[in-house]
Amino acid sequence: MAGNIGRTPDGKKVVSEAATEEIRTLVHQMAFRVRTAVTQALHALEHADAAQAEVIITGDAAIDQMEEEIERRCVQLLTTDRRFDSATQLQIRRVAASFKIVTDLERIGDHAAGIARRVLRIGGAILPKPFVDIPRMAALADEMLGRVITAFDQADVGAARRAGVDDDSIDGLYDQIFRELLTYMLDDREAVREATHLLFVASAIERIADHTTNLAEWVIYAETGHRVELNR
């Protein structure tokens, strides 16, 4: 990493663009892996695919390792010297944002693994309500995550800001699903177990959307230097 640091005539250190781009590439790779896990977990849920669920659960350790490696590289780069040339402030913000982004990506990966574990627990049980709203909610969350990853890759602040609207839509679906499942549980004690599983899944999807909104906020910070809250 030392080879990625240069100096200005006044002695201040400058981080090469190659160093920050290397970190961004690793974040992209992690993001792609996390989104794949989410997509596969939702597919496993919809099709009761225990084999795919097992693959997702096993693969979560690799996501954890990617987070640790990217964090290590970010810390190494940011702590090399505190005196950076002003021209590198964008690069420094991007590195700092990457450090935060991988935490939310890791959490999303955890939720994908949690959904996969719930698939194994549901097994072939008959669900208390038609399996329509949760797949719809899941599709929105998956599309949202894909858009924010693209916003990160393209440094697209406008696309990142859309995450707040997406999150509101997903929250609305979650509230609807929660109320419906609670009604099923109150009306039929036999439905409590399966309804609880579905509540867990809906909650996990809602949390994936929340973490995706955090990703979008860090994209905005990296490119503008301003912290915003997209889901007040």
Protein backbone atom coordinates (compact mmCIF):
# COMPACT_ATOMS: atom_id res chain seq x y z
CA MET A 1 0.00 0.00 0.00
CA ALA A 2 2.92 2.32 0.58
CA GLY A 3 3.50 2.45 -3.18
CA ASN A 4 0.09 4.04 -3.55
CA ILE A 5 1.15 7.14 -1.61
CA GLY A 6 2.96 10.05 -3.26
CA ARG A 7 4.00 13.53 -2.09
CA THR A 8 3.31 17.08 -3.23
CA PRO A 9 6.17 19.63 -3.35
CA ASP A 10 5.23 20.88 0.14
CA GLY A 11 5.50 17.41 1.60
CA LYS A 12 1.84 16.53 1.91
CA LYS A 13 0.91 13.02 0.97
CA VAL A 14 -1.32 12.22 -1.96
CA VAL A 15 -3.19 8.96 -2.38
CA SER A 16 -3.01 7.62 -5.91
CA GLU A 17 -6.27 7.09 -7.78
CA ALA A 18 -5.25 3.47 -8.31
CA ALA A 19 -5.35 2.86 -4.54
CA THR A 20 -8.90 4.11 -4.15
CA GLU A 21 -10.10 2.38 -7.31
CA GLU A 22 -8.69 -0.90 -6.02
CA ILE A 23 -10.81 -0.54 -2.89
CA ARG A 24 -13.88 0.43 -4.91
CA THR A 25 -13.40 -2.66 -7.08
CA LEU A 26 -13.32 -4.86 -3.99
CA VAL A 27 -16.46 -3.17 -2.65
CA HIS A 28 -18.17 -3.79 -5.99
CA GLN A 29 -17.20 -7.47 -5.85
CA MET A 30 -18.57 -7.74 -2.32
CA ALA A 31 -21.75 -5.92 -3.31
CA PHE A 32 -22.26 -8.28 -6.24
CA ARG A 33 -21.82 -11.28 -3.98
CA VAL A 34 -24.22 -9.87 -1.40
CA ARG A 35 -26.89 -9.09 -3.97
CA THR A 36 -26.51 -12.58 -5.40
CA ALA A 37 -27.06 -13.99 -1.91
CA VAL A 38 -30.19 -11.87 -1.48
CA THR A 39 -31.59 -12.89 -4.86
CA GLN A 40 -30.88 -16.57 -4.22
CA ALA A 41 -32.33 -16.43 -0.71
CA LEU A 42 -35.56 -14.95 -2.02
CA HIS A 43 -35.67 -17.55 -4.80
CA ALA A 44 -35.10 -20.32 -2.23
CA LEU A 45 -37.92 -18.91 -0.13
CA GLU A 46 -40.38 -18.75 -3.01
CA HIS A 47 -39.54 -22.26 -4.23
CA ALA A 48 -38.84 -23.91 -0.86
CA ASP A 49 -35.36 -24.79 -2.16
CA ALA A 50 -33.46 -26.16 0.84
CA ALA A 51 -30.32 -26.96 -1.20
CA GLN A 52 -29.97 -23.37 -2.35
CA ALA A 53 -30.62 -22.14 1.18
CA GLU A 54 -27.73 -24.27 2.44
CA VAL A 55 -25.40 -22.74 -0.19
CA ILE A 56 -26.30 -19.22 0.95
CA ILE A 57 -25.74 -20.04 4.61
CA THR A 58 -22.35 -21.57 3.86
CA GLY A 59 -21.32 -18.65 1.66
CA ASP A 60 -21.97 -16.04 4.35
CA ALA A 61 -18.52 -16.63 5.84
CA ALA A 62 -16.88 -15.49 2.59
CA ILE A 63 -18.85 -12.23 2.74
CA ASP A 64 -17.61 -11.68 6.30
CA GLN A 65 -14.02 -12.23 5.14
CA MET A 66 -14.44 -9.72 2.30
CA GLU A 67 -15.68 -7.12 4.79
CA GLU A 68 -12.63 -7.66 7.02
CA GLU A 69 -10.20 -7.41 4.08
CA ILE A 70 -11.72 -4.19 2.72
CA GLU A 71 -11.81 -2.61 6.17
CA ARG A 72 -8.15 -3.53 6.69
CA ARG A 73 -7.18 -1.87 3.42
CA CYS A 74 -9.23 1.25 4.16
CA VAL A 75 -7.69 1.67 7.60
CA GLN A 76 -4.19 1.10 6.24
CA LEU A 77 -4.68 3.75 3.59
CA LEU A 78 -6.40 6.36 5.77
CA THR A 79 -3.95 6.10 8.64
CA THR A 80 -0.78 6.30 6.56
CA ASP A 81 -0.66 10.06 7.09
CA ARG A 82 -3.23 12.64 8.16
CA ARG A 83 -1.82 15.42 5.95
CA PHE A 84 -3.49 14.93 2.58
CA ASP A 85 -3.48 17.32 -0.34
CA SER A 86 -6.87 18.98 -0.94
CA ALA A 87 -7.07 17.44 -4.43
CA THR A 88 -7.39 14.00 -2.87
CA GLN A 89 -10.36 14.81 -0.63
CA LEU A 90 -12.81 13.08 -2.99
CA GLN A 91 -10.65 9.97 -2.96
CA ILE A 92 -10.36 10.05 0.83
CA ARG A 93 -14.15 10.40 1.19
CA ARG A 94 -14.61 7.46 -1.15
CA VAL A 95 -12.29 5.33 0.96
CA ALA A 96 -14.02 6.41 4.18
CA ALA A 97 -17.43 5.69 2.64
CA SER A 98 -16.22 2.28 1.48
CA PHE A 99 -15.26 1.47 5.07
CA LYS A 100 -18.85 2.17 6.14
CA ILE A 101 -20.50 0.63 3.08
CA VAL A 102 -19.00 -2.81 3.64
CA THR A 103 -20.54 -2.91 7.12
CA ASP A 104 -24.02 -2.47 5.67
CA LEU A 105 -23.24 -4.96 2.91
CA GLU A 106 -22.21 -7.50 5.53
CA ARG A 107 -25.46 -6.91 7.41
CA ILE A 108 -27.44 -7.43 4.22
CA GLY A 109 -25.56 -10.69 3.71
CA ASP A 110 -26.52 -11.71 7.25
CA HIS A 111 -30.19 -11.05 6.50
CA ALA A 112 -29.95 -13.11 3.30
CA ALA A 113 -28.50 -15.99 5.33
CA GLY A 114 -31.26 -15.48 7.92
CA ILE A 115 -33.92 -15.83 5.23
CA ALA A 116 -32.17 -18.97 3.98
CA ARG A 117 -32.23 -20.47 7.49
CA ARG A 118 -35.93 -19.65 7.72
CA VAL A 119 -36.48 -21.51 4.43
CA LEU A 120 -35.08 -24.63 6.08
CA ARG A 121 -37.37 -24.17 9.09
CA ILE A 122 -40.48 -23.62 6.98
CA GLY A 123 -39.79 -26.71 4.90
CA GLY A 124 -42.95 -27.83 3.13
CA ALA A 125 -45.38 -26.25 5.60
CA ILE A 126 -48.62 -24.81 4.29
CA LEU A 127 -48.45 -21.02 4.62
CA PRO A 128 -51.35 -19.11 6.20
CA LYS A 129 -51.75 -16.61 3.35
CA PRO A 130 -51.14 -16.53 -0.42
CA PHE A 131 -47.45 -16.08 -1.13
CA VAL A 132 -47.82 -12.84 -3.09
CA ASP A 133 -47.03 -9.75 -1.03
CA ILE A 134 -43.69 -10.94 0.36
CA PRO A 135 -42.31 -11.80 -3.11
CA ARG A 136 -43.46 -8.36 -4.28
CA MET A 137 -41.73 -6.72 -1.34
CA ALA A 138 -38.64 -8.85 -1.96
CA ALA A 139 -38.53 -7.90 -5.64
CA LEU A 140 -38.62 -4.19 -4.74
CA ALA A 141 -35.80 -4.63 -2.21
CA ASP A 142 -33.69 -6.58 -4.71
CA GLU A 143 -34.20 -3.95 -7.42
CA MET A 144 -33.42 -1.20 -4.91
CA LEU A 145 -30.16 -2.88 -3.92
CA GLY A 146 -29.21 -3.29 -7.57
CA ARG A 147 -29.83 0.40 -8.28
CA VAL A 148 -27.78 1.56 -5.30
CA ILE A 149 -24.88 -0.72 -6.27
CA THR A 150 -25.00 0.82 -9.75
CA ALA A 151 -25.12 4.29 -8.19
CA PHE A 152 -21.97 3.42 -6.24
CA ASP A 153 -20.21 2.13 -9.38
CA GLN A 154 -21.18 5.21 -11.41
CA ALA A 155 -20.89 7.79 -8.60
CA ASP A 156 -24.51 8.71 -9.40
CA VAL A 157 -25.86 10.89 -6.59
CA GLY A 158 -29.27 11.32 -8.22
CA ALA A 159 -29.83 7.57 -8.41
CA ALA A 160 -28.67 7.16 -4.82
CA ARG A 161 -31.23 9.70 -3.62
CA ARG A 162 -34.05 7.58 -5.07
CA ALA A 163 -33.39 5.00 -2.33
CA GLY A 164 -35.46 7.03 0.11
CA VAL A 165 -38.57 6.67 -2.07
CA ASP A 166 -37.91 2.95 -2.57
CA ASP A 167 -37.53 2.43 1.17
CA ASP A 168 -40.85 4.15 1.86
CA SER A 169 -42.61 1.79 -0.58
CA ILE A 170 -41.07 -1.25 1.09
CA ASP A 171 -41.99 0.04 4.55
CA GLY A 172 -45.58 0.42 3.39
CA LEU A 173 -45.69 -3.18 2.18
CA TYR A 174 -44.12 -4.39 5.42
CA ASP A 175 -46.80 -2.63 7.49
CA GLN A 176 -49.51 -4.21 5.37
CA ILE A 177 -47.99 -7.70 5.64
CA PHE A 178 -47.50 -7.31 9.40
CA ARG A 179 -51.16 -6.39 9.95
CA GLU A 180 -52.41 -9.25 7.76
CA LEU A 181 -50.22 -11.87 9.42
CA LEU A 182 -51.16 -10.63 12.88
CA THR A 183 -54.81 -11.08 11.93
CA TYR A 184 -54.15 -14.65 10.79
CA MET A 185 -52.39 -15.40 14.06
CA LEU A 186 -55.26 -14.01 16.14
CA ASP A 187 -57.91 -15.90 14.14
CA ASP A 188 -56.16 -19.26 13.89
CA ARG A 189 -53.73 -20.58 16.49
CA GLU A 190 -52.66 -23.30 14.06
CA ALA A 191 -51.29 -20.59 11.77
CA VAL A 192 -49.04 -18.97 14.38
CA ARG A 193 -45.87 -20.94 13.61
CA GLU A 194 -45.92 -20.36 9.85
CA ALA A 195 -47.08 -16.77 10.21
CA THR A 196 -44.16 -16.12 12.56
CA HIS A 197 -41.76 -17.44 9.93
CA LEU A 198 -43.26 -15.09 7.35
CA LEU A 199 -43.05 -12.15 9.77
CA PHE A 200 -39.36 -12.88 10.23
CA VAL A 201 -38.84 -12.96 6.46
CA ALA A 202 -40.74 -9.71 5.93
CA SER A 203 -38.73 -8.06 8.71
CA ALA A 204 -35.46 -9.27 7.15
CA ILE A 205 -36.44 -7.81 3.78
CA GLU A 206 -37.38 -4.52 5.43
CA ARG A 207 -33.98 -4.44 7.14
CA ILE A 208 -32.24 -5.17 3.83
CA ALA A 209 -33.96 -2.08 2.44
CA ASP A 210 -32.88 -0.02 5.46
CA HIS A 211 -29.24 -1.05 5.03
CA THR A 212 -29.50 -0.35 1.30
CA THR A 213 -30.67 3.16 2.16
CA ASN A 214 -27.58 3.53 4.34
CA LEU A 215 -25.47 2.50 1.34
CA ALA A 216 -27.12 5.22 -0.72
CA GLU A 217 -26.40 7.82 1.96
CA TRP A 218 -22.73 6.88 1.92
CA VAL A 219 -22.62 7.13 -1.87
CA ILE A 220 -23.98 10.67 -1.58
CA TYR A 221 -21.44 11.53 1.11
CA ALA A 222 -18.54 10.13 -0.89
CA GLU A 223 -19.37 12.25 -3.93
CA THR A 224 -20.58 15.48 -2.26
CA GLY A 225 -19.08 15.57 1.23
CA HIS A 226 -22.57 16.04 2.72
CA ARG A 227 -24.37 13.63 5.06
CA VAL A 228 -28.07 13.22 4.34
CA GLU A 229 -30.86 11.12 5.85
CA LEU A 230 -33.02 9.53 3.19
CA ASN A 231 -35.47 7.74 5.49
CA ARG A 232 -36.45 10.15 8.25
